[in-house]
Amino acid sequence: MVTLRAREITLEEVETILGFIPRYDGNFNDFLNLEPLTDLDRQDLQQIRAEFLGYLRRGQLSEGQARLISINPMLRLAGYHRAPIELRVEEDIQHIYIEDKDTHIRGRFDLVAVNRMVKTSPTTLLWVLIVESKNVAASEFAGVAQMLTYAYSSLAQQSAVWGLVSNGATYQLFHVAKAEALTYQYMPTLSLIESDRALQLLQVLKAIRNWNPEATP
């Protein structure tokens, strides 16, 4: 028997052990309705960008700083701090056992947004967005394997979930789904550094907040 920690698992192991298949060239419009932003949204976004860039100019940001200065403010602006969304932080995932590989996986996610109005089972709420944060010097791809491990546990109860891996500057989103096979699709990389991509980032986060895997745009 092999026991793996989610924090130490590699992308190759995720694909081999859990059976995930990568897909590329994703399009947000295939899954989401992107609504125009208000002037107030744009003003608040500019403030978040200015504060983050100020920290960035003064030196390297830790994972905790990236979460506090960039990721959390963006989630707040996108409405994730309001009902029916509930944020759950650093909770243990359900123990994963892959019988044909005789492998156990344990771990604790950074943050998951759940929708309290949508149940995927009598005791389970819909997972909307899984967030894995890294320090600003790390690649936005550094936490993909961990994010997919946490997504795997949610796909036992629902057909899809969104994943986000961010170092505060860049935001890499994934559409993770269970159909004939388990897949994770790379979506366009968004950024808090570039104003146009920051605007789209806010639109996307807002749309994911209202997303339901059984609905189509």
N, C-alpha and C. Protein backbone atom coordinates (compact mmCIF):
# COMPACT_ATOMS: atom_id res chain seq x y z
N MET A 1 0.84 -1.20 0.00
CA MET A 1 0.00 0.00 0.00
C MET A 1 0.88 1.25 0.00
N VAL A 2 0.48 2.23 -0.82
CA VAL A 2 1.21 3.49 -0.91
C VAL A 2 0.31 4.60 -0.38
N THR A 3 0.87 5.48 0.44
CA THR A 3 0.14 6.65 0.93
C THR A 3 0.82 7.91 0.41
N LEU A 4 0.05 8.77 -0.26
CA LEU A 4 0.57 10.00 -0.82
C LEU A 4 -0.09 11.19 -0.15
N ARG A 5 0.69 12.26 0.01
CA ARG A 5 0.13 13.53 0.47
C ARG A 5 -0.17 14.38 -0.74
N ALA A 6 -1.34 15.00 -0.76
CA ALA A 6 -1.75 15.79 -1.92
C ALA A 6 -0.75 16.90 -2.23
N ARG A 7 -0.13 17.47 -1.19
CA ARG A 7 0.82 18.56 -1.39
C ARG A 7 2.08 18.11 -2.13
N GLU A 8 2.35 16.81 -2.11
CA GLU A 8 3.59 16.30 -2.70
C GLU A 8 3.35 15.54 -4.00
N ILE A 9 2.11 15.37 -4.39
CA ILE A 9 1.78 14.59 -5.57
C ILE A 9 2.16 15.36 -6.83
N THR A 10 2.56 14.64 -7.87
CA THR A 10 2.93 15.27 -9.13
C THR A 10 1.78 15.18 -10.13
N LEU A 11 1.86 15.99 -11.17
CA LEU A 11 0.82 15.96 -12.20
C LEU A 11 0.81 14.60 -12.90
N GLU A 12 1.98 14.04 -13.11
CA GLU A 12 2.06 12.71 -13.72
C GLU A 12 1.35 11.67 -12.86
N GLU A 13 1.53 11.75 -11.55
CA GLU A 13 0.86 10.81 -10.65
C GLU A 13 -0.65 11.01 -10.65
N VAL A 14 -1.09 12.26 -10.72
CA VAL A 14 -2.52 12.55 -10.77
C VAL A 14 -3.14 11.92 -12.02
N GLU A 15 -2.44 12.04 -13.14
CA GLU A 15 -2.97 11.48 -14.38
C GLU A 15 -2.92 9.95 -14.37
N THR A 16 -1.85 9.39 -13.81
CA THR A 16 -1.69 7.93 -13.80
C THR A 16 -2.59 7.26 -12.76
N ILE A 17 -2.61 7.81 -11.55
CA ILE A 17 -3.33 7.17 -10.45
C ILE A 17 -4.82 7.50 -10.47
N LEU A 18 -5.15 8.77 -10.67
CA LEU A 18 -6.55 9.18 -10.63
C LEU A 18 -7.23 9.10 -11.99
N GLY A 19 -6.43 9.06 -13.07
CA GLY A 19 -7.01 8.89 -14.40
C GLY A 19 -7.42 10.16 -15.10
N PHE A 20 -6.92 11.31 -14.67
CA PHE A 20 -7.26 12.57 -15.32
C PHE A 20 -6.60 12.67 -16.70
N ILE A 21 -7.33 13.23 -17.65
CA ILE A 21 -6.83 13.48 -19.00
C ILE A 21 -6.83 14.98 -19.25
N PRO A 22 -5.69 15.58 -19.66
CA PRO A 22 -5.66 17.02 -19.90
C PRO A 22 -6.29 17.39 -21.24
N ARG A 23 -6.92 18.54 -21.25
CA ARG A 23 -7.42 19.15 -22.49
C ARG A 23 -6.96 20.60 -22.51
N TYR A 24 -6.86 21.14 -23.72
CA TYR A 24 -6.28 22.47 -23.86
C TYR A 24 -7.23 23.37 -24.65
N ASP A 25 -6.82 24.65 -24.76
CA ASP A 25 -7.54 25.62 -25.59
C ASP A 25 -9.00 25.78 -25.17
N GLY A 26 -9.24 25.84 -23.87
CA GLY A 26 -10.59 26.05 -23.38
C GLY A 26 -11.11 27.44 -23.67
N ASN A 27 -12.43 27.58 -23.69
CA ASN A 27 -13.09 28.86 -23.95
C ASN A 27 -14.11 29.09 -22.85
N PHE A 28 -13.98 30.20 -22.13
CA PHE A 28 -14.91 30.48 -21.03
C PHE A 28 -16.36 30.52 -21.50
N ASN A 29 -16.59 31.01 -22.72
CA ASN A 29 -17.95 31.16 -23.21
C ASN A 29 -18.65 29.82 -23.45
N ASP A 30 -17.88 28.74 -23.49
CA ASP A 30 -18.51 27.42 -23.63
C ASP A 30 -19.21 26.98 -22.34
N PHE A 31 -18.85 27.60 -21.23
CA PHE A 31 -19.37 27.16 -19.93
C PHE A 31 -20.06 28.27 -19.13
N LEU A 32 -19.75 29.53 -19.44
CA LEU A 32 -20.16 30.63 -18.57
C LEU A 32 -20.84 31.74 -19.35
N ASN A 33 -21.72 32.47 -18.67
CA ASN A 33 -22.29 33.71 -19.19
C ASN A 33 -21.51 34.88 -18.58
N LEU A 34 -20.71 35.55 -19.37
CA LEU A 34 -19.90 36.66 -18.87
C LEU A 34 -20.68 37.96 -19.01
N GLU A 35 -21.00 38.58 -17.88
CA GLU A 35 -21.80 39.80 -17.86
C GLU A 35 -20.91 41.03 -17.83
N PRO A 36 -21.40 42.16 -18.38
CA PRO A 36 -20.63 43.41 -18.32
C PRO A 36 -20.40 43.84 -16.87
N LEU A 37 -19.29 44.50 -16.63
CA LEU A 37 -18.97 45.00 -15.30
C LEU A 37 -19.52 46.40 -15.11
N THR A 38 -19.87 46.74 -13.88
CA THR A 38 -20.33 48.09 -13.58
C THR A 38 -19.13 49.02 -13.40
N ASP A 39 -19.39 50.32 -13.41
CA ASP A 39 -18.32 51.29 -13.15
C ASP A 39 -17.73 51.09 -11.76
N LEU A 40 -18.58 50.75 -10.79
CA LEU A 40 -18.09 50.51 -9.43
C LEU A 40 -17.18 49.28 -9.39
N ASP A 41 -17.55 48.23 -10.13
CA ASP A 41 -16.69 47.04 -10.23
C ASP A 41 -15.31 47.43 -10.74
N ARG A 42 -15.29 48.26 -11.77
CA ARG A 42 -14.03 48.66 -12.39
C ARG A 42 -13.19 49.50 -11.41
N GLN A 43 -13.83 50.36 -10.67
CA GLN A 43 -13.11 51.18 -9.69
C GLN A 43 -12.51 50.31 -8.58
N ASP A 44 -13.31 49.39 -8.08
CA ASP A 44 -12.82 48.50 -7.01
C ASP A 44 -11.70 47.61 -7.51
N LEU A 45 -11.82 47.14 -8.74
CA LEU A 45 -10.77 46.30 -9.32
C LEU A 45 -9.47 47.09 -9.46
N GLN A 46 -9.57 48.34 -9.88
CA GLN A 46 -8.38 49.16 -10.02
C GLN A 46 -7.68 49.35 -8.67
N GLN A 47 -8.46 49.47 -7.60
CA GLN A 47 -7.88 49.62 -6.27
C GLN A 47 -7.14 48.35 -5.85
N ILE A 48 -7.75 47.19 -6.12
CA ILE A 48 -7.09 45.92 -5.80
C ILE A 48 -5.79 45.79 -6.58
N ARG A 49 -5.82 46.13 -7.86
CA ARG A 49 -4.61 46.06 -8.70
C ARG A 49 -3.52 46.98 -8.16
N ALA A 50 -3.90 48.19 -7.80
CA ALA A 50 -2.91 49.17 -7.31
C ALA A 50 -2.26 48.68 -6.02
N GLU A 51 -3.06 48.14 -5.11
CA GLU A 51 -2.50 47.64 -3.84
C GLU A 51 -1.59 46.45 -4.09
N PHE A 52 -1.99 45.54 -4.96
CA PHE A 52 -1.16 44.37 -5.25
C PHE A 52 0.15 44.77 -5.91
N LEU A 53 0.08 45.66 -6.89
CA LEU A 53 1.29 46.08 -7.59
C LEU A 53 2.23 46.82 -6.65
N GLY A 54 1.67 47.54 -5.68
CA GLY A 54 2.50 48.21 -4.69
C GLY A 54 3.31 47.22 -3.88
N TYR A 55 2.64 46.15 -3.43
CA TYR A 55 3.35 45.09 -2.70
C TYR A 55 4.39 44.43 -3.60
N LEU A 56 4.03 44.19 -4.85
CA LEU A 56 4.92 43.49 -5.77
C LEU A 56 6.20 44.29 -6.01
N ARG A 57 6.09 45.59 -6.08
CA ARG A 57 7.27 46.43 -6.31
C ARG A 57 8.23 46.41 -5.13
N ARG A 58 7.67 46.16 -3.94
CA ARG A 58 8.52 46.19 -2.74
C ARG A 58 9.23 44.87 -2.48
N GLY A 59 8.93 43.83 -3.25
CA GLY A 59 9.63 42.57 -3.06
C GLY A 59 8.73 41.38 -3.28
N GLN A 60 9.30 40.19 -3.14
CA GLN A 60 8.58 38.94 -3.37
C GLN A 60 7.47 38.74 -2.36
N LEU A 61 6.31 38.29 -2.85
CA LEU A 61 5.17 38.01 -1.97
C LEU A 61 5.13 36.54 -1.61
N SER A 62 4.85 36.27 -0.34
CA SER A 62 4.67 34.89 0.10
C SER A 62 3.31 34.38 -0.37
N GLU A 63 3.09 33.08 -0.18
CA GLU A 63 1.79 32.49 -0.52
C GLU A 63 0.67 33.16 0.28
N GLY A 64 0.91 33.40 1.57
CA GLY A 64 -0.10 34.04 2.40
C GLY A 64 -0.40 35.46 1.95
N GLN A 65 0.64 36.21 1.58
CA GLN A 65 0.43 37.58 1.10
C GLN A 65 -0.32 37.58 -0.22
N ALA A 66 0.04 36.66 -1.12
CA ALA A 66 -0.66 36.58 -2.40
C ALA A 66 -2.15 36.33 -2.19
N ARG A 67 -2.46 35.49 -1.21
CA ARG A 67 -3.86 35.18 -0.91
C ARG A 67 -4.59 36.39 -0.33
N LEU A 68 -3.93 37.10 0.60
CA LEU A 68 -4.58 38.22 1.28
C LEU A 68 -4.68 39.47 0.42
N ILE A 69 -3.66 39.74 -0.40
CA ILE A 69 -3.61 40.99 -1.15
C ILE A 69 -4.26 40.87 -2.52
N SER A 70 -4.31 39.68 -3.07
CA SER A 70 -4.85 39.52 -4.42
C SER A 70 -6.07 38.60 -4.47
N ILE A 71 -5.89 37.35 -4.08
CA ILE A 71 -6.94 36.35 -4.31
C ILE A 71 -8.19 36.63 -3.49
N ASN A 72 -8.04 36.84 -2.19
CA ASN A 72 -9.21 37.10 -1.35
C ASN A 72 -9.97 38.37 -1.75
N PRO A 73 -9.27 39.50 -2.02
CA PRO A 73 -10.01 40.68 -2.48
C PRO A 73 -10.76 40.45 -3.79
N MET A 74 -10.16 39.68 -4.70
CA MET A 74 -10.85 39.40 -5.96
C MET A 74 -12.09 38.54 -5.72
N LEU A 75 -11.99 37.57 -4.83
CA LEU A 75 -13.15 36.75 -4.52
C LEU A 75 -14.24 37.57 -3.84
N ARG A 76 -13.83 38.47 -2.95
CA ARG A 76 -14.82 39.34 -2.30
C ARG A 76 -15.54 40.21 -3.33
N LEU A 77 -14.77 40.83 -4.23
CA LEU A 77 -15.36 41.70 -5.24
C LEU A 77 -16.30 40.92 -6.15
N ALA A 78 -15.96 39.66 -6.41
CA ALA A 78 -16.79 38.83 -7.29
C ALA A 78 -18.01 38.24 -6.57
N GLY A 79 -18.15 38.51 -5.27
CA GLY A 79 -19.34 38.10 -4.54
C GLY A 79 -19.25 36.79 -3.78
N TYR A 80 -18.06 36.25 -3.61
CA TYR A 80 -17.92 34.96 -2.94
C TYR A 80 -18.06 35.04 -1.42
N HIS A 81 -18.09 36.24 -0.87
CA HIS A 81 -18.28 36.39 0.57
C HIS A 81 -19.76 36.54 0.93
N ARG A 82 -20.64 36.46 -0.08
CA ARG A 82 -22.07 36.65 0.15
C ARG A 82 -22.82 35.34 -0.11
N ALA A 83 -23.94 35.17 0.61
CA ALA A 83 -24.80 34.01 0.39
C ALA A 83 -25.31 34.04 -1.06
N PRO A 84 -25.53 32.86 -1.64
CA PRO A 84 -25.48 31.53 -1.03
C PRO A 84 -24.09 30.88 -1.02
N ILE A 85 -23.06 31.62 -1.44
CA ILE A 85 -21.71 31.05 -1.45
C ILE A 85 -21.13 31.07 -0.04
N GLU A 86 -20.45 30.00 0.31
CA GLU A 86 -19.74 29.90 1.58
C GLU A 86 -18.31 29.45 1.29
N LEU A 87 -17.34 30.13 1.90
CA LEU A 87 -15.94 29.78 1.71
C LEU A 87 -15.48 28.87 2.85
N ARG A 88 -14.86 27.78 2.49
CA ARG A 88 -14.30 26.85 3.47
C ARG A 88 -12.79 26.82 3.29
N VAL A 89 -12.07 26.96 4.39
CA VAL A 89 -10.62 27.18 4.33
C VAL A 89 -9.88 26.05 5.04
N GLU A 90 -8.88 25.50 4.35
CA GLU A 90 -7.93 24.53 4.92
C GLU A 90 -8.63 23.41 5.68
N GLU A 91 -9.56 22.75 5.00
CA GLU A 91 -10.21 21.57 5.57
C GLU A 91 -9.63 20.32 4.92
N ASP A 92 -9.59 19.22 5.68
CA ASP A 92 -9.12 17.95 5.13
C ASP A 92 -10.10 17.44 4.08
N ILE A 93 -9.55 16.91 2.98
CA ILE A 93 -10.41 16.28 2.00
C ILE A 93 -10.78 14.88 2.49
N GLN A 94 -11.87 14.36 1.93
CA GLN A 94 -12.23 12.99 2.25
C GLN A 94 -11.10 12.07 1.80
N HIS A 95 -10.78 11.11 2.62
CA HIS A 95 -9.70 10.16 2.32
C HIS A 95 -9.97 9.48 0.98
N ILE A 96 -9.00 9.52 0.06
CA ILE A 96 -9.14 8.91 -1.26
C ILE A 96 -8.38 7.59 -1.28
N TYR A 97 -9.06 6.53 -1.70
CA TYR A 97 -8.39 5.23 -1.86
C TYR A 97 -8.64 4.72 -3.28
N ILE A 98 -7.57 4.49 -4.02
CA ILE A 98 -7.65 3.96 -5.38
C ILE A 98 -7.32 2.48 -5.30
N GLU A 99 -8.36 1.65 -5.39
CA GLU A 99 -8.20 0.22 -5.09
C GLU A 99 -7.25 -0.47 -6.06
N ASP A 100 -7.40 -0.21 -7.38
CA ASP A 100 -6.56 -0.94 -8.33
C ASP A 100 -5.10 -0.51 -8.29
N LYS A 101 -4.82 0.64 -7.66
CA LYS A 101 -3.44 1.10 -7.48
C LYS A 101 -2.96 0.88 -6.05
N ASP A 102 -3.87 0.41 -5.18
CA ASP A 102 -3.57 0.23 -3.75
C ASP A 102 -2.90 1.48 -3.18
N THR A 103 -3.53 2.62 -3.46
CA THR A 103 -2.94 3.91 -3.09
C THR A 103 -3.93 4.75 -2.30
N HIS A 104 -3.47 5.31 -1.20
CA HIS A 104 -4.25 6.26 -0.40
C HIS A 104 -3.71 7.67 -0.64
N ILE A 105 -4.62 8.64 -0.70
CA ILE A 105 -4.21 10.04 -0.84
C ILE A 105 -4.89 10.85 0.26
N ARG A 106 -4.09 11.63 0.97
CA ARG A 106 -4.60 12.50 2.01
C ARG A 106 -4.19 13.94 1.70
N GLY A 107 -4.97 14.90 2.18
CA GLY A 107 -4.59 16.28 1.94
C GLY A 107 -5.55 17.27 2.56
N ARG A 108 -5.20 18.54 2.43
CA ARG A 108 -6.01 19.63 2.96
C ARG A 108 -6.00 20.76 1.94
N PHE A 109 -7.19 21.12 1.45
CA PHE A 109 -7.26 22.17 0.43
C PHE A 109 -7.05 23.55 1.03
N ASP A 110 -6.63 24.50 0.18
CA ASP A 110 -6.48 25.89 0.61
C ASP A 110 -7.85 26.52 0.86
N LEU A 111 -8.69 26.48 -0.18
CA LEU A 111 -9.99 27.15 -0.09
C LEU A 111 -10.94 26.53 -1.09
N VAL A 112 -12.18 26.34 -0.68
CA VAL A 112 -13.24 25.86 -1.57
C VAL A 112 -14.47 26.74 -1.37
N ALA A 113 -15.06 27.16 -2.49
CA ALA A 113 -16.32 27.89 -2.45
C ALA A 113 -17.45 26.90 -2.73
N VAL A 114 -18.42 26.83 -1.83
CA VAL A 114 -19.57 25.94 -2.02
C VAL A 114 -20.84 26.77 -2.10
N ASN A 115 -21.84 26.22 -2.78
CA ASN A 115 -23.14 26.87 -2.90
C ASN A 115 -24.11 26.20 -1.93
N ARG A 116 -24.53 26.93 -0.92
CA ARG A 116 -25.38 26.36 0.13
C ARG A 116 -26.81 26.11 -0.36
N MET A 117 -27.17 26.63 -1.53
CA MET A 117 -28.51 26.44 -2.06
C MET A 117 -28.62 25.21 -2.97
N VAL A 118 -27.50 24.60 -3.31
CA VAL A 118 -27.51 23.47 -4.23
C VAL A 118 -26.84 22.27 -3.57
N LYS A 119 -27.60 21.19 -3.42
CA LYS A 119 -27.05 19.97 -2.83
C LYS A 119 -26.80 18.93 -3.92
N THR A 120 -25.65 18.26 -3.84
CA THR A 120 -25.33 17.19 -4.77
C THR A 120 -25.63 15.82 -4.17
N SER A 121 -25.93 15.80 -2.89
CA SER A 121 -26.41 14.60 -2.19
C SER A 121 -27.12 15.12 -0.94
N PRO A 122 -27.81 14.27 -0.21
CA PRO A 122 -28.51 14.76 0.99
C PRO A 122 -27.61 15.47 1.99
N THR A 123 -26.32 15.17 1.98
CA THR A 123 -25.42 15.76 2.98
C THR A 123 -24.27 16.56 2.36
N THR A 124 -24.29 16.75 1.03
CA THR A 124 -23.16 17.40 0.36
C THR A 124 -23.62 18.60 -0.45
N LEU A 125 -22.91 19.72 -0.29
CA LEU A 125 -23.21 20.93 -1.05
C LEU A 125 -22.38 20.97 -2.33
N LEU A 126 -22.88 21.70 -3.32
CA LEU A 126 -22.18 21.85 -4.59
C LEU A 126 -20.86 22.59 -4.40
N TRP A 127 -19.77 21.98 -4.83
CA TRP A 127 -18.49 22.68 -4.89
C TRP A 127 -18.47 23.52 -6.16
N VAL A 128 -18.21 24.81 -6.02
CA VAL A 128 -18.20 25.72 -7.16
C VAL A 128 -16.78 25.96 -7.65
N LEU A 129 -15.88 26.32 -6.72
CA LEU A 129 -14.52 26.71 -7.10
C LEU A 129 -13.53 26.22 -6.05
N ILE A 130 -12.50 25.52 -6.51
CA ILE A 130 -11.40 25.07 -5.65
C ILE A 130 -10.21 25.98 -5.92
N VAL A 131 -9.66 26.59 -4.88
CA VAL A 131 -8.56 27.56 -5.05
C VAL A 131 -7.29 27.02 -4.41
N GLU A 132 -6.22 27.00 -5.17
CA GLU A 132 -4.90 26.63 -4.67
C GLU A 132 -3.99 27.82 -4.90
N SER A 133 -3.42 28.36 -3.83
CA SER A 133 -2.58 29.55 -3.95
C SER A 133 -1.11 29.20 -3.78
N LYS A 134 -0.25 30.00 -4.45
CA LYS A 134 1.19 29.82 -4.39
C LYS A 134 1.85 31.19 -4.20
N ASN A 135 3.14 31.19 -3.83
CA ASN A 135 3.82 32.47 -3.71
C ASN A 135 4.08 33.04 -5.09
N VAL A 136 4.33 34.34 -5.16
CA VAL A 136 4.36 35.03 -6.44
C VAL A 136 5.51 34.58 -7.32
N ALA A 137 6.56 33.99 -6.74
CA ALA A 137 7.69 33.52 -7.54
C ALA A 137 7.40 32.17 -8.19
N ALA A 138 6.37 31.49 -7.73
CA ALA A 138 6.05 30.16 -8.26
C ALA A 138 5.23 30.29 -9.54
N SER A 139 5.39 29.31 -10.40
CA SER A 139 4.56 29.23 -11.59
C SER A 139 3.12 29.00 -11.19
N GLU A 140 2.19 29.55 -11.99
CA GLU A 140 0.78 29.32 -11.71
C GLU A 140 0.40 27.86 -11.93
N PHE A 141 1.30 27.07 -12.52
CA PHE A 141 1.02 25.66 -12.74
C PHE A 141 1.50 24.78 -11.58
N ALA A 142 2.17 25.39 -10.61
CA ALA A 142 2.79 24.61 -9.53
C ALA A 142 1.76 23.86 -8.69
N GLY A 143 0.56 24.37 -8.56
CA GLY A 143 -0.44 23.73 -7.70
C GLY A 143 -1.50 22.94 -8.43
N VAL A 144 -1.30 22.68 -9.73
CA VAL A 144 -2.34 22.01 -10.51
C VAL A 144 -2.62 20.60 -9.98
N ALA A 145 -1.58 19.85 -9.67
CA ALA A 145 -1.77 18.47 -9.20
C ALA A 145 -2.57 18.44 -7.90
N GLN A 146 -2.24 19.35 -6.98
CA GLN A 146 -2.98 19.40 -5.72
C GLN A 146 -4.44 19.75 -5.96
N MET A 147 -4.68 20.76 -6.81
CA MET A 147 -6.05 21.17 -7.09
C MET A 147 -6.86 20.02 -7.66
N LEU A 148 -6.25 19.26 -8.59
CA LEU A 148 -6.97 18.14 -9.21
C LEU A 148 -7.27 17.04 -8.20
N THR A 149 -6.37 16.83 -7.26
CA THR A 149 -6.62 15.84 -6.22
C THR A 149 -7.85 16.21 -5.41
N TYR A 150 -7.98 17.48 -5.06
CA TYR A 150 -9.15 17.92 -4.30
C TYR A 150 -10.41 17.87 -5.16
N ALA A 151 -10.27 18.21 -6.46
CA ALA A 151 -11.41 18.14 -7.37
C ALA A 151 -11.92 16.71 -7.50
N TYR A 152 -11.02 15.76 -7.48
CA TYR A 152 -11.39 14.35 -7.63
C TYR A 152 -12.43 13.94 -6.58
N SER A 153 -12.22 14.38 -5.35
CA SER A 153 -13.15 13.99 -4.28
C SER A 153 -14.54 14.58 -4.50
N SER A 154 -14.62 15.78 -5.11
CA SER A 154 -15.94 16.39 -5.34
C SER A 154 -16.67 15.73 -6.49
N LEU A 155 -15.93 15.17 -7.46
CA LEU A 155 -16.57 14.59 -8.64
C LEU A 155 -17.28 13.28 -8.35
N ALA A 156 -17.17 12.78 -7.14
CA ALA A 156 -17.98 11.62 -6.75
C ALA A 156 -19.44 12.01 -6.62
N GLN A 157 -19.72 13.31 -6.42
CA GLN A 157 -21.09 13.78 -6.17
C GLN A 157 -21.60 14.74 -7.24
N GLN A 158 -20.76 15.26 -8.11
CA GLN A 158 -21.19 16.23 -9.11
C GLN A 158 -20.42 16.01 -10.40
N SER A 159 -20.95 16.56 -11.50
CA SER A 159 -20.38 16.26 -12.81
C SER A 159 -19.21 17.13 -13.20
N ALA A 160 -19.04 18.27 -12.54
CA ALA A 160 -17.95 19.18 -12.89
C ALA A 160 -17.69 20.14 -11.75
N VAL A 161 -16.52 20.77 -11.78
CA VAL A 161 -16.15 21.78 -10.79
C VAL A 161 -15.09 22.66 -11.43
N TRP A 162 -14.97 23.89 -10.95
CA TRP A 162 -13.93 24.79 -11.42
C TRP A 162 -12.74 24.76 -10.47
N GLY A 163 -11.55 24.84 -11.05
CA GLY A 163 -10.32 24.93 -10.26
C GLY A 163 -9.56 26.19 -10.61
N LEU A 164 -8.91 26.77 -9.62
CA LEU A 164 -8.10 27.97 -9.81
C LEU A 164 -6.77 27.77 -9.11
N VAL A 165 -5.68 28.00 -9.84
CA VAL A 165 -4.34 28.01 -9.26
C VAL A 165 -3.76 29.39 -9.52
N SER A 166 -3.36 30.09 -8.45
CA SER A 166 -2.91 31.47 -8.61
C SER A 166 -1.74 31.78 -7.70
N ASN A 167 -0.83 32.59 -8.23
CA ASN A 167 0.26 33.13 -7.41
C ASN A 167 0.01 34.60 -7.08
N GLY A 168 -1.22 35.05 -7.28
CA GLY A 168 -1.58 36.43 -7.01
C GLY A 168 -1.48 37.31 -8.23
N ALA A 169 -0.50 37.06 -9.07
CA ALA A 169 -0.32 37.84 -10.29
C ALA A 169 -1.06 37.21 -11.46
N THR A 170 -0.85 35.91 -11.67
CA THR A 170 -1.53 35.19 -12.73
C THR A 170 -2.55 34.23 -12.14
N TYR A 171 -3.63 34.04 -12.89
CA TYR A 171 -4.74 33.18 -12.47
C TYR A 171 -4.98 32.15 -13.56
N GLN A 172 -4.71 30.88 -13.24
CA GLN A 172 -4.95 29.81 -14.20
C GLN A 172 -6.18 29.02 -13.76
N LEU A 173 -7.21 29.08 -14.59
CA LEU A 173 -8.46 28.40 -14.29
C LEU A 173 -8.58 27.12 -15.10
N PHE A 174 -9.29 26.15 -14.52
CA PHE A 174 -9.49 24.84 -15.14
C PHE A 174 -10.96 24.45 -15.00
N HIS A 175 -11.50 23.87 -16.06
CA HIS A 175 -12.80 23.22 -15.97
C HIS A 175 -12.55 21.74 -15.81
N VAL A 176 -12.92 21.20 -14.65
CA VAL A 176 -12.65 19.80 -14.32
C VAL A 176 -13.98 19.05 -14.38
N ALA A 177 -14.02 17.97 -15.17
CA ALA A 177 -15.31 17.32 -15.41
C ALA A 177 -15.19 15.81 -15.41
N LYS A 178 -16.33 15.18 -15.14
CA LYS A 178 -16.45 13.73 -15.15
C LYS A 178 -17.55 13.36 -16.13
N ALA A 179 -17.17 12.72 -17.24
CA ALA A 179 -18.14 12.21 -18.20
C ALA A 179 -17.71 10.78 -18.55
N GLU A 180 -17.39 10.54 -19.83
CA GLU A 180 -16.83 9.23 -20.17
C GLU A 180 -15.48 9.03 -19.49
N ALA A 181 -14.78 10.15 -19.28
CA ALA A 181 -13.47 10.12 -18.61
C ALA A 181 -13.36 11.34 -17.72
N LEU A 182 -12.37 11.32 -16.81
CA LEU A 182 -12.07 12.48 -15.99
C LEU A 182 -11.16 13.41 -16.79
N THR A 183 -11.56 14.66 -16.95
CA THR A 183 -10.77 15.60 -17.74
C THR A 183 -10.55 16.89 -16.97
N TYR A 184 -9.44 17.55 -17.28
CA TYR A 184 -9.23 18.91 -16.78
C TYR A 184 -8.78 19.76 -17.96
N GLN A 185 -9.53 20.83 -18.20
CA GLN A 185 -9.28 21.67 -19.37
C GLN A 185 -8.67 22.99 -18.96
N TYR A 186 -7.53 23.30 -19.57
CA TYR A 186 -6.87 24.58 -19.34
C TYR A 186 -7.67 25.68 -20.02
N MET A 187 -8.02 26.70 -19.25
CA MET A 187 -8.68 27.88 -19.79
C MET A 187 -7.63 28.97 -20.03
N PRO A 188 -7.98 30.04 -20.76
CA PRO A 188 -7.01 31.11 -20.98
C PRO A 188 -6.47 31.67 -19.66
N THR A 189 -5.16 31.86 -19.60
CA THR A 189 -4.54 32.41 -18.39
C THR A 189 -4.90 33.88 -18.24
N LEU A 190 -5.36 34.25 -17.05
CA LEU A 190 -5.74 35.63 -16.77
C LEU A 190 -4.74 36.23 -15.80
N SER A 191 -4.78 37.55 -15.65
CA SER A 191 -3.73 38.23 -14.89
C SER A 191 -4.27 39.47 -14.20
N LEU A 192 -3.76 39.72 -13.00
CA LEU A 192 -4.09 40.96 -12.31
C LEU A 192 -3.16 42.08 -12.75
N ILE A 193 -2.09 41.75 -13.46
CA ILE A 193 -1.12 42.75 -13.88
C ILE A 193 -1.63 43.56 -15.06
N GLU A 194 -2.20 42.90 -16.04
CA GLU A 194 -2.68 43.55 -17.26
C GLU A 194 -4.15 43.93 -17.09
N SER A 195 -4.46 45.17 -17.38
CA SER A 195 -5.80 45.69 -17.07
C SER A 195 -6.91 44.95 -17.81
N ASP A 196 -6.72 44.66 -19.10
CA ASP A 196 -7.78 43.98 -19.86
C ASP A 196 -8.03 42.58 -19.33
N ARG A 197 -6.96 41.86 -19.03
CA ARG A 197 -7.12 40.49 -18.52
C ARG A 197 -7.63 40.50 -17.09
N ALA A 198 -7.34 41.56 -16.34
CA ALA A 198 -7.89 41.68 -14.99
C ALA A 198 -9.40 41.89 -15.04
N LEU A 199 -9.86 42.67 -16.01
CA LEU A 199 -11.30 42.87 -16.18
C LEU A 199 -11.99 41.56 -16.53
N GLN A 200 -11.38 40.79 -17.44
CA GLN A 200 -11.98 39.50 -17.79
C GLN A 200 -11.94 38.55 -16.60
N LEU A 201 -10.88 38.61 -15.82
CA LEU A 201 -10.79 37.77 -14.62
C LEU A 201 -11.97 38.01 -13.70
N LEU A 202 -12.30 39.26 -13.46
CA LEU A 202 -13.43 39.58 -12.59
C LEU A 202 -14.73 39.07 -13.19
N GLN A 203 -14.90 39.25 -14.50
CA GLN A 203 -16.10 38.72 -15.16
C GLN A 203 -16.22 37.21 -14.97
N VAL A 204 -15.11 36.52 -15.15
CA VAL A 204 -15.11 35.06 -15.05
C VAL A 204 -15.42 34.61 -13.62
N LEU A 205 -14.79 35.23 -12.64
CA LEU A 205 -15.05 34.86 -11.25
C LEU A 205 -16.51 35.10 -10.88
N LYS A 206 -17.08 36.20 -11.34
CA LYS A 206 -18.50 36.47 -11.09
C LYS A 206 -19.38 35.39 -11.71
N ALA A 207 -19.04 35.00 -12.95
CA ALA A 207 -19.85 33.99 -13.64
C ALA A 207 -19.74 32.63 -12.97
N ILE A 208 -18.55 32.26 -12.51
CA ILE A 208 -18.38 30.98 -11.83
C ILE A 208 -19.19 30.95 -10.53
N ARG A 209 -19.27 32.09 -9.86
CA ARG A 209 -20.06 32.16 -8.63
C ARG A 209 -21.50 31.71 -8.87
N ASN A 210 -22.06 32.04 -10.04
CA ASN A 210 -23.45 31.73 -10.35
C ASN A 210 -23.60 30.44 -11.17
N TRP A 211 -22.51 29.72 -11.33
CA TRP A 211 -22.50 28.55 -12.22
C TRP A 211 -23.15 27.34 -11.57
N ASN A 212 -23.80 26.55 -12.43
CA ASN A 212 -24.35 25.27 -12.00
C ASN A 212 -23.96 24.25 -13.06
N PRO A 213 -23.32 23.14 -12.70
CA PRO A 213 -22.82 22.21 -13.71
C PRO A 213 -23.90 21.55 -14.55
N GLU A 214 -25.14 21.59 -14.07
CA GLU A 214 -26.21 20.98 -14.85
C GLU A 214 -26.85 21.96 -15.82
N ALA A 215 -26.48 23.25 -15.71
CA ALA A 215 -27.03 24.27 -16.60
C ALA A 215 -26.05 24.58 -17.70
N THR A 216 -26.52 25.13 -18.80
CA THR A 216 -25.66 25.54 -19.91
C THR A 216 -25.86 27.02 -20.15
N PRO A 217 -24.84 27.74 -20.66
CA PRO A 217 -24.96 29.17 -20.91
C PRO A 217 -26.05 29.47 -21.90
